[in-house]
PDB file of N, CA and C in Angstrom:
ATOM      1  N   MET A   1      57.653  45.122  89.322  1.00  0.00           N
ATOM      2  CA  MET A   1      56.603  45.861  88.779  1.00  0.00           C
ATOM      3  C   MET A   1      56.243  46.918  89.902  1.00  0.00           C
ATOM      4  N   GLY A   2      56.242  46.580  91.066  1.00  0.00           N
ATOM      5  CA  GLY A   2      55.654  47.360  92.051  1.00  0.00           C
ATOM      6  C   GLY A   2      56.631  48.620  92.299  1.00  0.00           C
ATOM      7  N   TYR A   3      57.875  48.429  92.042  1.00  0.00           N
ATOM      8  CA  TYR A   3      58.950  49.431  92.209  1.00  0.00           C
ATOM      9  C   TYR A   3      58.702  50.489  91.026  1.00  0.00           C
ATOM     10  N   ILE A   4      58.294  50.041  89.903  1.00  0.00           N
ATOM     11  CA  ILE A   4      58.126  51.104  88.852  1.00  0.00           C
ATOM     12  C   ILE A   4      56.976  51.837  89.125  1.00  0.00           C
ATOM     13  N   ILE A   5      55.913  51.211  89.692  1.00  0.00           N
ATOM     14  CA  ILE A   5      54.685  52.152  89.986  1.00  0.00           C
ATOM     15  C   ILE A   5      54.947  53.056  91.078  1.00  0.00           C
ATOM     16  N   THR A   6      55.845  52.607  92.107  1.00  0.00           N
ATOM     17  CA  THR A   6      56.188  53.484  93.190  1.00  0.00           C
ATOM     18  C   THR A   6      56.975  54.628  92.758  1.00  0.00           C
ATOM     19  N   ALA A   7      57.939  54.312  91.713  1.00  0.00           N
ATOM     20  CA  ALA A   7      58.817  55.355  91.209  1.00  0.00           C
ATOM     21  C   ALA A   7      58.026  56.427  90.484  1.00  0.00           C
ATOM     22  N   LEU A   8      56.932  55.863  89.637  1.00  0.00           N
ATOM     23  CA  LEU A   8      56.114  56.704  88.836  1.00  0.00           C
ATOM     24  C   LEU A   8      55.278  57.647  89.788  1.00  0.00           C
ATOM     25  N   ILE A   9      54.649  57.081  90.798  1.00  0.00           N
ATOM     26  CA  ILE A   9      53.948  57.832  91.849  1.00  0.00           C
ATOM     27  C   ILE A   9      54.703  58.953  92.439  1.00  0.00           C
ATOM     28  N   ALA A  10      55.956  58.607  92.855  1.00  0.00           N
ATOM     29  CA  ALA A  10      56.860  59.548  93.572  1.00  0.00           C
ATOM     30  C   ALA A  10      57.197  60.681  92.560  1.00  0.00           C
ATOM     31  N   GLY A  11      57.429  60.317  91.328  1.00  0.00           N
ATOM     32  CA  GLY A  11      57.805  61.368  90.366  1.00  0.00           C
ATOM     33  C   GLY A  11      56.628  62.271  90.082  1.00  0.00           C
ATOM     34  N   VAL A  12      55.452  61.728  90.003  1.00  0.00           N
ATOM     35  CA  VAL A  12      54.179  62.657  89.891  1.00  0.00           C
ATOM     36  C   VAL A  12      54.061  63.524  91.040  1.00  0.00           C
ATOM     37  N   VAL A  13      54.209  62.961  92.309  1.00  0.00           N
ATOM     38  CA  VAL A  13      54.171  63.731  93.450  1.00  0.00           C
ATOM     39  C   VAL A  13      55.091  64.839  93.522  1.00  0.00           C
ATOM     40  N   ILE A  14      56.346  64.571  93.118  1.00  0.00           N
ATOM     41  CA  ILE A  14      57.473  65.634  93.133  1.00  0.00           C
ATOM     42  C   ILE A  14      57.137  66.706  92.031  1.00  0.00           C
ATOM     43  N   ALA A  15      56.659  66.209  90.922  1.00  0.00           N
ATOM     44  CA  ALA A  15      56.509  67.188  89.874  1.00  0.00           C
ATOM     45  C   ALA A  15      55.244  68.079  90.306  1.00  0.00           C
ATOM     46  N   ALA A  16      54.254  67.545  90.855  1.00  0.00           N
ATOM     47  CA  ALA A  16      53.079  68.241  91.292  1.00  0.00           C
ATOM     48  C   ALA A  16      53.440  69.235  92.348  1.00  0.00           C
ATOM     49  N   LEU A  17      54.222  68.865  93.362  1.00  0.00           N
ATOM     50  CA  LEU A  17      54.684  69.818  94.342  1.00  0.00           C
ATOM     51  C   LEU A  17      55.645  70.906  93.705  1.00  0.00           C
ATOM     52  N   THR A  18      56.370  70.553  92.731  1.00  0.00           N
ATOM     53  CA  THR A  18      57.186  71.584  92.208  1.00  0.00           C
ATOM     54  C   THR A  18      56.272  72.593  91.418  1.00  0.00           C
ATOM     55  N   ILE A  19      55.354  72.166  90.668  1.00  0.00           N
ATOM     56  CA  ILE A  19      54.374  72.970  89.968  1.00  0.00           C
ATOM     57  C   ILE A  19      53.627  73.959  91.035  1.00  0.00           C
ATOM     58  N   PHE A  20      53.172  73.240  92.045  1.00  0.00           N
ATOM     59  CA  PHE A  20      52.398  73.994  93.073  1.00  0.00           C
ATOM     60  C   PHE A  20      53.170  75.167  93.693  1.00  0.00           C
ATOM     61  N   ILE A  21      54.628  74.824  94.026  1.00  0.00           N
ATOM     62  CA  ILE A  21      55.394  75.894  94.592  1.00  0.00           C
ATOM     63  C   ILE A  21      55.728  76.855  93.497  1.00  0.00           C
ATOM     64  N   GLY A  22      55.960  76.495  92.376  1.00  0.00           N
ATOM     65  CA  GLY A  22      56.220  77.387  91.301  1.00  0.00           C
ATOM     66  C   GLY A  22      55.120  78.394  90.897  1.00  0.00           C
ATOM     67  N   LEU A  23      53.961  78.112  91.161  1.00  0.00           N
ATOM     68  CA  LEU A  23      52.749  78.873  90.866  1.00  0.00           C
ATOM     69  C   LEU A  23      52.600  80.032  91.863  1.00  0.00           C
ATOM     70  N   GLN A  24      53.236  79.844  93.072  1.00  0.00           N
ATOM     71  CA  GLN A  24      53.112  80.911  94.076  1.00  0.00           C
ATOM     72  C   GLN A  24      54.096  81.922  93.707  1.00  0.00           C
ATOM     73  N   LYS A  25      53.715  83.080  93.212  1.00  0.00           N
ATOM     74  CA  LYS A  25      54.730  83.966  92.724  1.00  0.00           C
ATOM     75  C   LYS A  25      55.076  85.012  93.845  1.00  0.00           C
ATOM     76  N   ASP A  26      56.232  85.380  93.760  1.00  0.00           N
ATOM     77  CA  ASP A  26      56.823  86.442  94.797  1.00  0.00           C
ATOM     78  C   ASP A  26      56.959  87.666  93.857  1.00  0.00           C
ATOM     79  N   ALA A  27      56.931  88.858  94.497  1.00  0.00           N
ATOM     80  CA  ALA A  27      57.078  90.050  93.716  1.00  0.00           C
ATOM     81  C   ALA A  27      58.421  90.139  92.903  1.00  0.00           C
ATOM     82  N   LYS A  28      59.526  89.651  93.641  1.00  0.00           N
ATOM     83  CA  LYS A  28      60.792  89.728  93.010  1.00  0.00           C
ATOM     84  C   LYS A  28      61.053  88.769  92.023  1.00  0.00           C
ATOM     85  N   TYR A  29      60.476  87.542  92.228  1.00  0.00           N
ATOM     86  CA  TYR A  29      60.925  86.367  91.464  1.00  0.00           C
ATOM     87  C   TYR A  29      59.734  85.849  90.500  1.00  0.00           C
ATOM     88  N   GLY A  30      58.744  86.662  90.412  1.00  0.00           N
ATOM     89  CA  GLY A  30      57.658  86.239  89.538  1.00  0.00           C
ATOM     90  C   GLY A  30      57.938  86.095  88.140  1.00  0.00           C
ATOM     91  N   SER A  31      58.822  86.959  87.658  1.00  0.00           N
ATOM     92  CA  SER A  31      59.048  87.021  86.219  1.00  0.00           C
ATOM     93  C   SER A  31      59.927  85.778  85.722  1.00  0.00           C
ATOM     94  N   SER A  32      60.816  85.314  86.521  1.00  0.00           N
ATOM     95  CA  SER A  32      61.562  84.102  86.212  1.00  0.00           C
ATOM     96  C   SER A  32      61.088  82.812  86.675  1.00  0.00           C
ATOM     97  N   THR A  33      59.934  82.813  87.342  1.00  0.00           N
ATOM     98  CA  THR A  33      59.396  81.574  87.872  1.00  0.00           C
ATOM     99  C   THR A  33      59.000  80.551  86.855  1.00  0.00           C
ATOM    100  N   LYS A  34      58.338  81.013  85.896  1.00  0.00           N
ATOM    101  CA  LYS A  34      57.923  80.223  84.742  1.00  0.00           C
ATOM    102  C   LYS A  34      59.062  79.579  84.036  1.00  0.00           C
ATOM    103  N   SER A  35      60.128  80.109  83.720  1.00  0.00           N
ATOM    104  CA  SER A  35      61.238  79.493  83.083  1.00  0.00           C
ATOM    105  C   SER A  35      62.028  78.539  84.013  1.00  0.00           C
ATOM    106  N   ASN A  36      62.062  78.992  85.286  1.00  0.00           N
ATOM    107  CA  ASN A  36      62.740  78.112  86.183  1.00  0.00           C
ATOM    108  C   ASN A  36      61.883  76.810  86.509  1.00  0.00           C
ATOM    109  N   LEU A  37      60.573  76.944  86.480  1.00  0.00           N
ATOM    110  CA  LEU A  37      59.721  75.842  86.685  1.00  0.00           C
ATOM    111  C   LEU A  37      59.709  74.942  85.523  1.00  0.00           C
ATOM    112  N   THR A  38      59.910  75.436  84.283  1.00  0.00           N
ATOM    113  CA  THR A  38      59.875  74.629  83.125  1.00  0.00           C
ATOM    114  C   THR A  38      61.187  73.801  83.125  1.00  0.00           C
ATOM    115  N   ARG A  39      62.281  74.450  83.475  1.00  0.00           N
ATOM    116  CA  ARG A  39      63.536  73.717  83.449  1.00  0.00           C
ATOM    117  C   ARG A  39      63.519  72.637  84.557  1.00  0.00           C
ATOM    118  N   LEU A  40      63.054  72.953  85.794  1.00  0.00           N
ATOM    119  CA  LEU A  40      63.092  72.033  86.814  1.00  0.00           C
ATOM    120  C   LEU A  40      62.111  70.770  86.588  1.00  0.00           C
ATOM    121  N   THR A  41      61.054  71.131  86.002  1.00  0.00           N
ATOM    122  CA  THR A  41      60.097  69.984  85.543  1.00  0.00           C
ATOM    123  C   THR A  41      60.776  69.074  84.511  1.00  0.00           C
ATOM    124  N   ALA A  42      61.499  69.694  83.561  1.00  0.00           N
ATOM    125  CA  ALA A  42      62.133  68.911  82.490  1.00  0.00           C
ATOM    126  C   ALA A  42      63.281  68.023  83.172  1.00  0.00           C
ATOM    127  N   ILE A  43      63.981  68.634  84.177  1.00  0.00           N
ATOM    128  CA  ILE A  43      65.038  67.800  84.854  1.00  0.00           C
ATOM    129  C   ILE A  43      64.327  66.537  85.630  1.00  0.00           C
ATOM    130  N   TYR A  44      63.179  66.784  86.235  1.00  0.00           N
ATOM    131  CA  TYR A  44      62.513  65.768  86.969  1.00  0.00           C
ATOM    132  C   TYR A  44      62.051  64.652  85.941  1.00  0.00           C
ATOM    133  N   ILE A  45      61.506  65.092  84.876  1.00  0.00           N
ATOM    134  CA  ILE A  45      61.027  64.068  83.830  1.00  0.00           C
ATOM    135  C   ILE A  45      62.180  63.232  83.308  1.00  0.00           C
ATOM    136  N   ALA A  46      63.264  63.987  83.033  1.00  0.00           N
ATOM    137  CA  ALA A  46      64.511  63.216  82.466  1.00  0.00           C
ATOM    138  C   ALA A  46      65.000  62.290  83.548  1.00  0.00           C
ATOM    139  N   LEU A  47      65.008  62.717  84.796  1.00  0.00           N
ATOM    140  CA  LEU A  47      65.580  61.820  85.871  1.00  0.00           C
ATOM    141  C   LEU A  47      64.674  60.602  86.082  1.00  0.00           C
ATOM    142  N   ILE A  48      63.449  60.867  86.052  1.00  0.00           N
ATOM    143  CA  ILE A  48      62.478  59.612  86.158  1.00  0.00           C
ATOM    144  C   ILE A  48      62.613  58.764  85.042  1.00  0.00           C
ATOM    145  N   VAL A  49      62.743  59.241  83.801  1.00  0.00           N
ATOM    146  CA  VAL A  49      62.949  58.352  82.670  1.00  0.00           C
ATOM    147  C   VAL A  49      64.242  57.521  82.787  1.00  0.00           C
ATOM    148  N   PHE A  50      65.340  58.197  83.103  1.00  0.00           N
ATOM    149  CA  PHE A  50      66.592  57.564  83.208  1.00  0.00           C
ATOM    150  C   PHE A  50      66.615  56.508  84.350  1.00  0.00           C
ATOM    151  N   CYS A  51      65.862  56.920  85.496  1.00  0.00           N
ATOM    152  CA  CYS A  51      65.831  55.911  86.566  1.00  0.00           C
ATOM    153  C   CYS A  51      64.921  54.625  86.202  1.00  0.00           C
ATOM    154  N   LEU A  52      63.898  54.876  85.524  1.00  0.00           N
ATOM    155  CA  LEU A  52      63.122  53.778  85.013  1.00  0.00           C
ATOM    156  C   LEU A  52      63.791  52.896  84.109  1.00  0.00           C
ATOM    157  N   ILE A  53      64.605  53.482  83.172  1.00  0.00           N
ATOM    158  CA  ILE A  53      65.301  52.772  82.278  1.00  0.00           C
ATOM    159  C   ILE A  53      66.433  51.877  83.013  1.00  0.00           C
ATOM    160  N   GLY A  54      67.058  52.514  83.931  1.00  0.00           N
ATOM    161  CA  GLY A  54      68.095  51.853  84.619  1.00  0.00           C
ATOM    162  C   GLY A  54      67.534  50.704  85.568  1.00  0.00           C
ATOM    163  N   LEU A  55      66.361  50.973  86.112  1.00  0.00           N
ATOM    164  CA  LEU A  55      65.729  49.968  86.945  1.00  0.00           C
ATOM    165  C   LEU A  55      65.267  48.712  85.955  1.00  0.00           C
ATOM    166  N   GLY A  56      64.766  49.061  84.945  1.00  0.00           N
ATOM    167  CA  GLY A  56      64.386  48.036  83.879  1.00  0.00           C
ATOM    168  C   GLY A  56      65.538  47.264  83.536  1.00  0.00           C
ATOM    169  N   LEU A  57      66.689  47.819  83.173  1.00  0.00           N
ATOM    170  CA  LEU A  57      67.907  47.048  82.795  1.00  0.00           C
ATOM    171  C   LEU A  57      68.417  46.253  84.070  1.00  0.00           C
ATOM    172  N   TYR A  58      68.323  46.720  85.183  1.00  0.00           N
ATOM    173  CA  TYR A  58      68.831  46.007  86.441  1.00  0.00           C
ATOM    174  C   TYR A  58      67.869  44.783  86.705  1.00  0.00           C
ATOM    175  N   ILE A  59      66.616  45.052  86.584  1.00  0.00           N
ATOM    176  CA  ILE A  59      65.669  43.858  86.801  1.00  0.00           C
ATOM    177  C   ILE A  59      65.757  42.838  85.610  1.00  0.00           C
ATOM    178  N   GLY A  60      66.079  43.295  84.414  1.00  0.00           N
ATOM    179  CA  GLY A  60      66.167  42.437  83.371  1.00  0.00           C
ATOM    180  C   GLY A  60      67.445  41.533  83.315  1.00  0.00           C
ATOM    181  N   ASN A  61      68.494  42.022  84.084  1.00  0.00           N
ATOM    182  CA  ASN A  61      69.704  41.266  84.319  1.00  0.00           C
ATOM    183  C   ASN A  61      69.808  40.431  85.416  1.00  0.00           C
ATOM    184  N   LEU A  62      68.684  40.360  86.223  1.00  0.00           N
ATOM    185  CA  LEU A  62      68.779  39.512  87.406  1.00  0.00           C
ATOM    186  C   LEU A  62      68.637  38.063  87.086  1.00  0.00           C
TER     187      LEU A  62
END
């Protein structure tokens, strides 16, 4: 159970850092930042979900 909580906390921290970095707009890249940030956040969410499912299956088979 502790591993799941650690994974969730790590995922939230990574997502928060991604959003923080994405909100800092550059003159050249400001227009595409929002779509890139959305895609990257979706990738992180999907990765966390799949990792948690895999971890749950692994722990369940021990």
